[in-house]
Amino acid sequence: YPINMITSTELAWMRATENQAMASTAIIQAPNYTSGALGSVLQSYVAVGTVSCDIWPIKASEKSSSNQEISQGDFYISVPYNTSVTVENRLVIDSKTYEVTFVPLSQSWLTNLRLEARNYNGA
């Protein structure tokens, strides 16, 4: 029996349609390193791009540490398939910062990249 496969045109249409349906916007930030006093290295983040995205929670947890409540949320974030993003990047969505924790291997059949990300204390 023949296997029905989608064409590259159909895949391109699926990707474009999915991108148009993404309801939020993510600012991609990359680490920037500068020299500090006494030879220390200071890390900051700079915006390197903006993409459409969708975000939804995976799980959330809270714990106490030195009289401070720490909340952590894990999220899936979908971005367009051809987005350049790594686990060194952060995403800012609706003024909240998410640290990218997982980027799937690039696969030709994917219609988007479903990243995993973490947010601390809702900031």
Protein backbone atom coordinates (compact mmCIF):
# COMPACT_ATOMS: atom_id res chain seq x y z
CA TYR A 1 0.00 0.00 0.00
CA PRO A 2 1.36 3.44 -0.87
CA ILE A 3 2.11 5.85 1.95
CA ASN A 4 0.50 9.23 1.52
CA MET A 5 3.01 11.96 2.23
CA ILE A 6 2.46 15.67 2.28
CA THR A 7 4.21 17.81 -0.27
CA SER A 8 6.63 20.63 0.53
CA THR A 9 3.93 23.07 -0.62
CA GLU A 10 1.42 21.59 1.82
CA LEU A 11 3.99 21.71 4.65
CA ALA A 12 4.78 25.37 3.86
CA TRP A 13 1.04 26.16 3.93
CA MET A 14 0.65 24.38 7.31
CA ARG A 15 3.57 26.35 8.77
CA ALA A 16 2.25 29.68 7.48
CA THR A 17 -1.26 28.95 8.78
CA GLU A 18 0.04 27.97 12.21
CA ASN A 19 2.23 31.08 12.42
CA GLN A 20 -0.76 33.32 11.63
CA ALA A 21 -2.75 31.69 14.44
CA MET A 22 -0.13 32.37 17.14
CA ALA A 23 -1.71 34.79 19.60
CA SER A 24 1.29 36.29 21.44
CA THR A 25 4.66 37.86 20.70
CA ALA A 26 8.02 36.84 22.17
CA ILE A 27 11.13 38.98 22.36
CA ILE A 28 14.18 36.73 22.02
CA GLN A 29 17.07 37.77 24.25
CA ALA A 30 20.68 36.55 24.02
CA PRO A 31 23.35 36.76 26.72
CA ASN A 32 25.83 39.62 26.50
CA TYR A 33 29.07 39.53 28.49
CA THR A 34 31.09 42.57 29.56
CA SER A 35 34.13 43.06 31.76
CA GLY A 36 33.48 44.28 35.25
CA ALA A 37 35.65 45.60 38.02
CA LEU A 38 38.72 43.56 38.92
CA GLY A 39 38.37 41.32 35.86
CA SER A 40 34.93 39.97 36.68
CA VAL A 41 32.52 39.11 33.88
CA LEU A 42 29.04 40.64 33.93
CA GLN A 43 26.17 38.99 32.12
CA SER A 44 23.19 40.89 30.75
CA TYR A 45 20.66 40.12 28.03
CA VAL A 46 19.98 42.00 24.80
CA ALA A 47 17.04 41.67 22.42
CA VAL A 48 17.99 39.90 19.19
CA GLY A 49 14.58 39.36 17.60
CA THR A 50 10.82 39.21 17.90
CA VAL A 51 8.57 36.32 16.84
CA SER A 52 4.95 35.25 17.10
CA CYS A 53 4.31 32.58 19.72
CA ASP A 54 1.83 30.61 21.79
CA ILE A 55 2.42 29.70 25.43
CA TRP A 56 0.76 27.30 27.85
CA PRO A 57 1.72 25.88 31.25
CA ILE A 58 3.11 22.41 31.84
CA LYS A 59 3.29 22.58 35.66
CA ALA A 60 3.91 24.93 38.55
CA SER A 61 5.46 24.45 41.99
CA GLU A 62 6.30 26.42 45.11
CA LYS A 63 8.86 25.87 47.85
CA SER A 64 10.42 27.80 50.71
CA SER A 65 14.06 28.74 50.77
CA SER A 66 15.55 30.90 53.54
CA ASN A 67 12.15 32.36 54.49
CA GLN A 68 11.36 33.14 50.86
CA GLU A 69 8.69 31.49 48.76
CA ILE A 70 10.00 30.48 45.35
CA SER A 71 7.49 29.69 42.65
CA GLN A 72 8.52 28.02 39.43
CA GLY A 73 6.44 27.43 36.34
CA ASP A 74 7.32 25.24 33.38
CA PHE A 75 5.82 26.13 30.01
CA TYR A 76 5.58 25.03 26.41
CA ILE A 77 6.20 27.88 23.98
CA SER A 78 5.57 27.40 20.27
CA VAL A 79 7.44 29.66 17.86
CA PRO A 80 7.70 29.56 14.06
CA TYR A 81 9.62 26.57 12.72
CA ASN A 82 12.55 28.58 11.35
CA THR A 83 13.17 30.57 14.57
CA SER A 84 16.80 30.60 15.70
CA VAL A 85 16.73 29.92 19.46
CA THR A 86 18.90 27.93 21.90
CA VAL A 87 18.90 27.11 25.60
CA GLU A 88 21.13 30.16 26.14
CA ASN A 89 18.26 32.44 25.11
CA ARG A 90 15.48 33.95 27.14
CA LEU A 91 12.02 34.89 25.88
CA VAL A 92 10.01 37.85 27.14
CA ILE A 93 6.27 37.39 26.65
CA ASP A 94 3.76 39.86 28.10
CA SER A 95 6.52 41.42 30.25
CA LYS A 96 7.41 38.03 31.80
CA THR A 97 10.81 36.40 31.30
CA TYR A 98 11.15 32.70 30.46
CA GLU A 99 14.45 30.81 30.40
CA VAL A 100 14.57 28.34 27.51
CA THR A 101 15.32 24.87 28.91
CA PHE A 102 14.79 22.64 25.85
CA VAL A 103 14.82 23.11 22.06
CA PRO A 104 13.85 20.09 19.93
CA LEU A 105 16.14 18.83 17.20
CA SER A 106 15.32 20.38 13.87
CA GLN A 107 13.06 17.99 11.97
CA SER A 108 11.90 18.65 8.42
CA TRP A 109 8.31 17.63 9.19
CA LEU A 110 7.73 19.99 12.14
CA THR A 111 5.25 22.81 11.65
CA ASN A 112 6.62 24.84 14.60
CA LEU A 113 9.24 24.60 17.33
CA ARG A 114 7.74 23.66 20.69
CA LEU A 115 10.26 24.88 23.23
CA GLU A 116 10.23 24.20 26.94
CA ALA A 117 10.88 27.15 29.23
CA ARG A 118 10.86 28.09 32.91
CA ASN A 119 9.68 31.18 34.75
CA TYR A 120 10.54 32.01 38.36
CA ASN A 121 8.27 33.96 40.75
CA GLY A 122 6.02 35.09 37.90
CA ALA A 123 8.55 37.78 36.90
